[in-house]
Amino acid sequence: MGYFLPHEGTNDVAWGLIAFESLAAYESYRARLKADEEGCRNFAMAHQRRLILKEERTFVEAVSGTLGVAPWPGEDAS
């Protein structure tokens, strides 16, 4: 969905937001990424240069009626 860098305040935190249809799709992506040679080289470079000091994962759901997600039938998007 995008990468977000600090604009004001803390300058050592950034976010990369990605979206998947399901947890299974995400797990499949992670497995492919770990098996990908270029992905492994990229991760090793980032680790060596200390570009990623800490990684956290949080699983969220879009609020109905936002980010291009249609509201549930009968639900008001406002």
N, C-alpha and C. Protein backbone atom coordinates (compact mmCIF):
# COMPACT_ATOMS: atom_id res chain seq x y z
N MET A 1 0.82 -1.18 0.00
CA MET A 1 0.00 0.00 0.00
C MET A 1 0.87 1.25 0.00
N GLY A 2 2.05 1.14 0.61
CA GLY A 2 2.95 2.29 0.59
C GLY A 2 3.97 2.24 1.71
N TYR A 3 4.96 3.11 1.58
CA TYR A 3 5.99 3.27 2.60
C TYR A 3 5.88 4.68 3.14
N PHE A 4 6.04 4.81 4.45
CA PHE A 4 5.85 6.09 5.11
C PHE A 4 7.06 6.40 5.97
N LEU A 5 7.64 7.58 5.74
CA LEU A 5 8.81 8.05 6.48
C LEU A 5 8.42 9.20 7.38
N PRO A 6 9.20 9.43 8.45
CA PRO A 6 8.88 10.52 9.36
C PRO A 6 8.93 11.87 8.66
N HIS A 7 8.05 12.74 9.06
CA HIS A 7 8.04 14.12 8.55
C HIS A 7 8.43 15.08 9.67
N GLU A 8 7.88 14.86 10.84
CA GLU A 8 8.22 15.64 12.03
C GLU A 8 8.30 14.67 13.20
N GLY A 9 8.99 15.06 14.23
CA GLY A 9 9.09 14.22 15.43
C GLY A 9 10.14 13.14 15.27
N THR A 10 9.84 11.97 15.76
CA THR A 10 10.78 10.84 15.73
C THR A 10 11.27 10.60 14.31
N ASN A 11 12.60 10.48 14.15
CA ASN A 11 13.12 10.29 12.80
C ASN A 11 13.74 8.91 12.59
N ASP A 12 13.47 7.99 13.49
CA ASP A 12 14.04 6.65 13.33
C ASP A 12 12.97 5.57 13.22
N VAL A 13 11.78 5.98 12.80
CA VAL A 13 10.69 5.03 12.63
C VAL A 13 10.07 5.26 11.27
N ALA A 14 9.84 4.19 10.54
CA ALA A 14 9.16 4.27 9.25
C ALA A 14 8.23 3.08 9.15
N TRP A 15 7.26 3.17 8.26
CA TRP A 15 6.30 2.09 8.11
C TRP A 15 6.20 1.67 6.65
N GLY A 16 6.03 0.40 6.45
CA GLY A 16 5.68 -0.14 5.15
C GLY A 16 4.37 -0.89 5.33
N LEU A 17 3.34 -0.44 4.65
CA LEU A 17 2.03 -1.08 4.76
C LEU A 17 1.78 -1.94 3.54
N ILE A 18 1.49 -3.21 3.78
CA ILE A 18 1.20 -4.13 2.70
C ILE A 18 -0.16 -4.77 2.98
N ALA A 19 -0.82 -5.20 1.94
CA ALA A 19 -2.15 -5.78 2.10
C ALA A 19 -2.23 -7.11 1.37
N PHE A 20 -2.93 -8.04 1.98
CA PHE A 20 -3.15 -9.36 1.42
C PHE A 20 -4.61 -9.73 1.59
N GLU A 21 -5.08 -10.61 0.75
CA GLU A 21 -6.48 -11.05 0.82
C GLU A 21 -6.77 -11.86 2.08
N SER A 22 -5.73 -12.54 2.61
CA SER A 22 -5.94 -13.39 3.77
C SER A 22 -4.61 -13.64 4.46
N LEU A 23 -4.68 -14.20 5.67
CA LEU A 23 -3.47 -14.58 6.38
C LEU A 23 -2.72 -15.67 5.61
N ALA A 24 -3.45 -16.57 4.99
CA ALA A 24 -2.81 -17.63 4.20
C ALA A 24 -2.03 -17.03 3.03
N ALA A 25 -2.58 -16.01 2.38
CA ALA A 25 -1.87 -15.34 1.27
C ALA A 25 -0.60 -14.68 1.78
N TYR A 26 -0.67 -14.07 2.96
CA TYR A 26 0.51 -13.45 3.56
C TYR A 26 1.58 -14.50 3.88
N GLU A 27 1.17 -15.62 4.47
CA GLU A 27 2.11 -16.68 4.80
C GLU A 27 2.76 -17.25 3.56
N SER A 28 2.02 -17.37 2.47
CA SER A 28 2.57 -17.85 1.21
C SER A 28 3.61 -16.86 0.68
N TYR A 29 3.30 -15.56 0.76
CA TYR A 29 4.24 -14.51 0.35
C TYR A 29 5.53 -14.61 1.16
N ARG A 30 5.41 -14.77 2.48
CA ARG A 30 6.61 -14.86 3.33
C ARG A 30 7.47 -16.06 2.95
N ALA A 31 6.84 -17.19 2.65
CA ALA A 31 7.58 -18.38 2.25
C ALA A 31 8.33 -18.15 0.94
N ARG A 32 7.65 -17.51 -0.03
CA ARG A 32 8.30 -17.21 -1.31
C ARG A 32 9.45 -16.22 -1.13
N LEU A 33 9.25 -15.24 -0.27
CA LEU A 33 10.30 -14.23 -0.02
C LEU A 33 11.54 -14.87 0.59
N LYS A 34 11.35 -15.76 1.55
CA LYS A 34 12.48 -16.43 2.19
C LYS A 34 13.24 -17.33 1.22
N ALA A 35 12.57 -17.83 0.19
CA ALA A 35 13.19 -18.72 -0.79
C ALA A 35 13.80 -17.97 -1.97
N ASP A 36 13.52 -16.68 -2.09
CA ASP A 36 13.96 -15.88 -3.23
C ASP A 36 15.40 -15.40 -3.02
N GLU A 37 16.30 -15.72 -3.95
CA GLU A 37 17.71 -15.36 -3.82
C GLU A 37 17.91 -13.85 -3.73
N GLU A 38 17.26 -13.10 -4.61
CA GLU A 38 17.41 -11.65 -4.58
C GLU A 38 16.86 -11.07 -3.27
N GLY A 39 15.73 -11.60 -2.81
CA GLY A 39 15.17 -11.16 -1.54
C GLY A 39 16.12 -11.43 -0.39
N CYS A 40 16.77 -12.59 -0.39
CA CYS A 40 17.74 -12.92 0.65
C CYS A 40 18.94 -11.99 0.61
N ARG A 41 19.42 -11.67 -0.59
CA ARG A 41 20.54 -10.73 -0.71
C ARG A 41 20.15 -9.34 -0.20
N ASN A 42 18.95 -8.91 -0.54
CA ASN A 42 18.46 -7.60 -0.10
C ASN A 42 18.37 -7.55 1.42
N PHE A 43 17.83 -8.61 2.03
CA PHE A 43 17.72 -8.65 3.48
C PHE A 43 19.11 -8.65 4.13
N ALA A 44 20.06 -9.42 3.58
CA ALA A 44 21.41 -9.47 4.12
C ALA A 44 22.07 -8.10 4.05
N MET A 45 21.89 -7.38 2.95
CA MET A 45 22.45 -6.04 2.80
C MET A 45 21.84 -5.09 3.84
N ALA A 46 20.53 -5.14 4.02
CA ALA A 46 19.87 -4.27 4.99
C ALA A 46 20.35 -4.60 6.41
N HIS A 47 20.55 -5.88 6.69
CA HIS A 47 21.04 -6.29 8.01
C HIS A 47 22.48 -5.80 8.22
N GLN A 48 23.32 -5.99 7.21
CA GLN A 48 24.73 -5.58 7.30
C GLN A 48 24.85 -4.07 7.50
N ARG A 49 24.05 -3.31 6.80
CA ARG A 49 24.11 -1.84 6.90
C ARG A 49 23.27 -1.29 8.05
N ARG A 50 22.62 -2.17 8.79
CA ARG A 50 21.78 -1.81 9.92
C ARG A 50 20.68 -0.83 9.51
N LEU A 51 20.07 -1.11 8.35
CA LEU A 51 18.96 -0.29 7.87
C LEU A 51 17.68 -0.61 8.62
N ILE A 52 17.57 -1.84 9.09
CA ILE A 52 16.40 -2.26 9.87
C ILE A 52 16.91 -2.68 11.23
N LEU A 53 16.61 -1.86 12.24
CA LEU A 53 17.07 -2.17 13.59
C LEU A 53 16.04 -2.99 14.37
N LYS A 54 14.80 -2.85 13.98
CA LYS A 54 13.72 -3.55 14.68
C LYS A 54 12.57 -3.72 13.69
N GLU A 55 11.97 -4.87 13.70
CA GLU A 55 10.84 -5.12 12.81
C GLU A 55 9.68 -5.65 13.64
N GLU A 56 8.55 -5.03 13.48
CA GLU A 56 7.34 -5.48 14.17
C GLU A 56 6.25 -5.70 13.14
N ARG A 57 5.42 -6.67 13.40
CA ARG A 57 4.28 -6.92 12.51
C ARG A 57 3.00 -6.76 13.32
N THR A 58 2.09 -6.04 12.76
CA THR A 58 0.77 -5.88 13.35
C THR A 58 -0.25 -6.19 12.27
N PHE A 59 -1.21 -7.01 12.59
CA PHE A 59 -2.23 -7.39 11.63
C PHE A 59 -3.48 -6.58 11.92
N VAL A 60 -3.94 -5.85 10.93
CA VAL A 60 -5.11 -4.99 11.09
C VAL A 60 -6.09 -5.26 9.96
N GLU A 61 -7.30 -4.78 10.12
CA GLU A 61 -8.32 -4.87 9.08
C GLU A 61 -8.76 -3.46 8.73
N ALA A 62 -9.04 -3.22 7.47
CA ALA A 62 -9.52 -1.92 7.03
C ALA A 62 -10.90 -1.67 7.63
N VAL A 63 -11.16 -0.42 7.96
CA VAL A 63 -12.48 -0.03 8.45
C VAL A 63 -13.43 -0.02 7.26
N SER A 64 -14.55 -0.68 7.41
CA SER A 64 -15.52 -0.76 6.33
C SER A 64 -15.88 0.63 5.82
N GLY A 65 -15.84 0.78 4.49
CA GLY A 65 -16.17 2.06 3.87
C GLY A 65 -14.99 2.99 3.72
N THR A 66 -13.76 2.51 4.02
CA THR A 66 -12.55 3.33 3.86
C THR A 66 -11.57 2.61 2.95
N LEU A 67 -10.59 3.33 2.45
CA LEU A 67 -9.53 2.76 1.61
C LEU A 67 -10.08 1.96 0.44
N GLY A 68 -11.18 2.41 -0.10
CA GLY A 68 -11.76 1.74 -1.25
C GLY A 68 -12.51 0.47 -0.91
N VAL A 69 -12.70 0.20 0.37
CA VAL A 69 -13.44 -0.98 0.81
C VAL A 69 -14.90 -0.59 0.95
N ALA A 70 -15.76 -1.27 0.28
CA ALA A 70 -17.19 -0.95 0.34
C ALA A 70 -17.73 -1.28 1.73
N PRO A 71 -18.68 -0.49 2.20
CA PRO A 71 -19.29 -0.80 3.50
C PRO A 71 -20.10 -2.08 3.40
N TRP A 72 -20.31 -2.72 4.56
CA TRP A 72 -21.14 -3.91 4.60
C TRP A 72 -22.55 -3.54 4.16
N PRO A 73 -23.26 -4.46 3.55
CA PRO A 73 -24.64 -4.17 3.13
C PRO A 73 -25.45 -3.67 4.32
N GLY A 74 -26.15 -2.56 4.12
CA GLY A 74 -26.98 -1.98 5.16
C GLY A 74 -26.23 -1.12 6.15
N GLU A 75 -24.89 -0.98 6.00
CA GLU A 75 -24.10 -0.18 6.93
C GLU A 75 -23.84 1.19 6.34
N ASP A 76 -23.94 2.23 7.15
CA ASP A 76 -23.67 3.60 6.71
C ASP A 76 -22.17 3.83 6.76
N ALA A 77 -21.57 4.31 5.66
CA ALA A 77 -20.11 4.53 5.60
C ALA A 77 -19.69 5.78 6.34
N SER A 78 -20.60 6.65 6.75
CA SER A 78 -20.20 7.90 7.41
C SER A 78 -19.95 7.75 8.87
